[in-house]
């Protein structure tokens, strides 16, 4: 099972701009993939467990294990390309 963890913060303007675009792109192309939005201010322990020290951070998890990490400076197409690869491997089999 593929899952997305999106780490954001209330004072992160990039996070606020990226979140709706990324979640829409994923939900359209990969409707079966869960996206969990994590506010690092409210969930500091979860952020620490995943070694999140900058924002935004997107983790692509497969079966509970991190497969890809995107931090600070990345594009939606970067994330979508990796999702496409993983989706082909895991979800279609």
C-alpha atoms as a PDB file:
ATOM      1  CA  UNK A   1       0.000   0.000   0.000  1.00  0.00           C
ATOM      2  CA  UNK A   2       1.311   3.422  -0.993  1.00  0.00           C
ATOM      3  CA  UNK A   3       0.734   6.399   1.281  1.00  0.00           C
ATOM      4  CA  UNK A   4       1.832  10.036   1.129  1.00  0.00           C
ATOM      5  CA  UNK A   5       2.869  11.981   4.225  1.00  0.00           C
ATOM      6  CA  UNK A   6       2.819  15.743   3.630  1.00  0.00           C
ATOM      7  CA  UNK A   7       4.539  17.729   6.379  1.00  0.00           C
ATOM      8  CA  UNK A   8       3.512  21.350   6.611  1.00  0.00           C
ATOM      9  CA  UNK A   9       3.464  24.233   9.054  1.00  0.00           C
ATOM     10  CA  UNK A  10       1.198  27.207   9.613  1.00  0.00           C
ATOM     11  CA  UNK A  11       3.953  29.738   8.839  1.00  0.00           C
ATOM     12  CA  UNK A  12       5.174  27.963   5.688  1.00  0.00           C
ATOM     13  CA  UNK A  13       3.885  29.883   2.665  1.00  0.00           C
ATOM     14  CA  UNK A  14       5.339  27.349   0.215  1.00  0.00           C
ATOM     15  CA  UNK A  15       3.470  24.585   2.056  1.00  0.00           C
ATOM     16  CA  UNK A  16       0.182  26.447   1.701  1.00  0.00           C
ATOM     17  CA  UNK A  17       0.703  27.045  -2.021  1.00  0.00           C
ATOM     18  CA  UNK A  18       1.889  23.518  -2.807  1.00  0.00           C
ATOM     19  CA  UNK A  19      -0.586  21.476  -0.763  1.00  0.00           C
ATOM     20  CA  UNK A  20      -3.775  21.995  -2.829  1.00  0.00           C
ATOM     21  CA  UNK A  21      -1.962  21.526  -6.131  1.00  0.00           C
ATOM     22  CA  UNK A  22      -0.196  18.364  -5.013  1.00  0.00           C
ATOM     23  CA  UNK A  23      -3.215  16.786  -3.337  1.00  0.00           C
ATOM     24  CA  UNK A  24      -5.364  17.493  -6.392  1.00  0.00           C
ATOM     25  CA  UNK A  25      -2.800  16.017  -8.798  1.00  0.00           C
ATOM     26  CA  UNK A  26      -2.451  12.872  -6.689  1.00  0.00           C
ATOM     27  CA  UNK A  27      -6.187  12.396  -6.121  1.00  0.00           C
ATOM     28  CA  UNK A  28      -6.896  12.718  -9.849  1.00  0.00           C
ATOM     29  CA  UNK A  29      -4.173  10.383 -11.121  1.00  0.00           C
ATOM     30  CA  UNK A  30      -3.915   8.032  -8.118  1.00  0.00           C
ATOM     31  CA  UNK A  31      -7.290   8.052  -6.318  1.00  0.00           C
ATOM     32  CA  UNK A  32      -6.430   4.969  -4.240  1.00  0.00           C
ATOM     33  CA  UNK A  33      -3.358   6.561  -2.636  1.00  0.00           C
ATOM     34  CA  UNK A  34      -3.953   8.003   0.839  1.00  0.00           C
ATOM     35  CA  UNK A  35      -2.544  11.433   1.651  1.00  0.00           C
ATOM     36  CA  UNK A  36      -1.951  12.348   5.285  1.00  0.00           C
ATOM     37  CA  UNK A  37      -1.390  16.043   6.013  1.00  0.00           C
ATOM     38  CA  UNK A  38       0.753  16.533   9.116  1.00  0.00           C
ATOM     39  CA  UNK A  39       1.081  19.916  10.810  1.00  0.00           C
ATOM     40  CA  UNK A  40       4.531  19.847  12.398  1.00  0.00           C
ATOM     41  CA  UNK A  41       3.462  22.383  15.027  1.00  0.00           C
ATOM     42  CA  UNK A  42       0.696  20.104  16.269  1.00  0.00           C
ATOM     43  CA  UNK A  43       2.536  16.819  15.668  1.00  0.00           C
ATOM     44  CA  UNK A  44       6.137  17.461  16.640  1.00  0.00           C
ATOM     45  CA  UNK A  45       6.691  13.860  17.714  1.00  0.00           C
ATOM     46  CA  UNK A  46       5.621  12.467  14.336  1.00  0.00           C
ATOM     47  CA  UNK A  47       7.826  15.007  12.542  1.00  0.00           C
ATOM     48  CA  UNK A  48      10.774  13.999  14.729  1.00  0.00           C
ATOM     49  CA  UNK A  49      10.173  10.289  14.097  1.00  0.00           C
ATOM     50  CA  UNK A  50      10.423  10.969  10.363  1.00  0.00           C
ATOM     51  CA  UNK A  51      13.431  13.294  10.733  1.00  0.00           C
ATOM     52  CA  UNK A  52      11.599  16.306   9.322  1.00  0.00           C
ATOM     53  CA  UNK A  53      13.702  19.421   9.917  1.00  0.00           C
ATOM     54  CA  UNK A  54      12.582  21.657   7.040  1.00  0.00           C
ATOM     55  CA  UNK A  55       9.302  22.351   5.247  1.00  0.00           C
ATOM     56  CA  UNK A  56       7.592  21.291   3.137  1.00  0.00           C
ATOM     57  CA  UNK A  57       8.432  17.594   3.156  1.00  0.00           C
ATOM     58  CA  UNK A  58       6.681  14.874   1.187  1.00  0.00           C
ATOM     59  CA  UNK A  59       7.364  11.253   2.046  1.00  0.00           C
ATOM     60  CA  UNK A  60       6.208   8.448  -0.193  1.00  0.00           C
ATOM     61  CA  UNK A  61       5.684   5.398   1.983  1.00  0.00           C
ATOM     62  CA  UNK A  62       5.197   1.809   0.823  1.00  0.00           C
ATOM     63  CA  UNK A  63       4.008  -0.705   3.399  1.00  0.00           C
ATOM     64  CA  UNK A  64       5.012   1.747   6.154  1.00  0.00           C
ATOM     65  CA  UNK A  65       8.566   2.268   4.893  1.00  0.00           C
ATOM     66  CA  UNK A  66       9.929   5.440   3.350  1.00  0.00           C
ATOM     67  CA  UNK A  67      10.734   5.004  -0.336  1.00  0.00           C
ATOM     68  CA  UNK A  68      11.191   8.612  -1.450  1.00  0.00           C
ATOM     69  CA  UNK A  69      11.664  11.944   0.308  1.00  0.00           C
ATOM     70  CA  UNK A  70      11.159  15.395  -1.166  1.00  0.00           C
ATOM     71  CA  UNK A  71      12.165  18.360   0.966  1.00  0.00           C
ATOM     72  CA  UNK A  72      12.139  22.137   0.644  1.00  0.00           C
ATOM     73  CA  UNK A  73      12.700  22.571  -3.112  1.00  0.00           C
ATOM     74  CA  UNK A  74      10.913  20.121  -5.422  1.00  0.00           C
ATOM     75  CA  UNK A  75       8.230  20.090  -8.079  1.00  0.00           C
ATOM     76  CA  UNK A  76       4.901  18.343  -8.286  1.00  0.00           C
ATOM     77  CA  UNK A  77       6.171  16.486 -11.351  1.00  0.00           C
ATOM     78  CA  UNK A  78       9.096  15.122  -9.288  1.00  0.00           C
ATOM     79  CA  UNK A  79       6.622  13.566  -6.859  1.00  0.00           C
ATOM     80  CA  UNK A  80       4.275  12.358  -9.597  1.00  0.00           C
ATOM     81  CA  UNK A  81       7.113  10.654 -11.505  1.00  0.00           C
ATOM     82  CA  UNK A  82       8.133   8.621  -8.452  1.00  0.00           C
ATOM     83  CA  UNK A  83       4.507   7.806  -7.655  1.00  0.00           C
ATOM     84  CA  UNK A  84       3.980   6.559 -11.196  1.00  0.00           C
ATOM     85  CA  UNK A  85       6.929   4.196 -10.858  1.00  0.00           C
ATOM     86  CA  UNK A  86       5.804   2.866  -7.469  1.00  0.00           C
ATOM     87  CA  UNK A  87       2.166   2.621  -8.474  1.00  0.00           C
ATOM     88  CA  UNK A  88       3.121   0.501 -11.474  1.00  0.00           C
ATOM     89  CA  UNK A  89       5.210  -1.812  -9.282  1.00  0.00           C
ATOM     90  CA  UNK A  90       2.952  -2.201  -6.243  1.00  0.00           C
ATOM     91  CA  UNK A  91      -0.640  -1.340  -7.020  1.00  0.00           C
ATOM     92  CA  UNK A  92      -1.017  -3.039 -10.383  1.00  0.00           C
ATOM     93  CA  UNK A  93       0.317  -6.403  -9.185  1.00  0.00           C
END
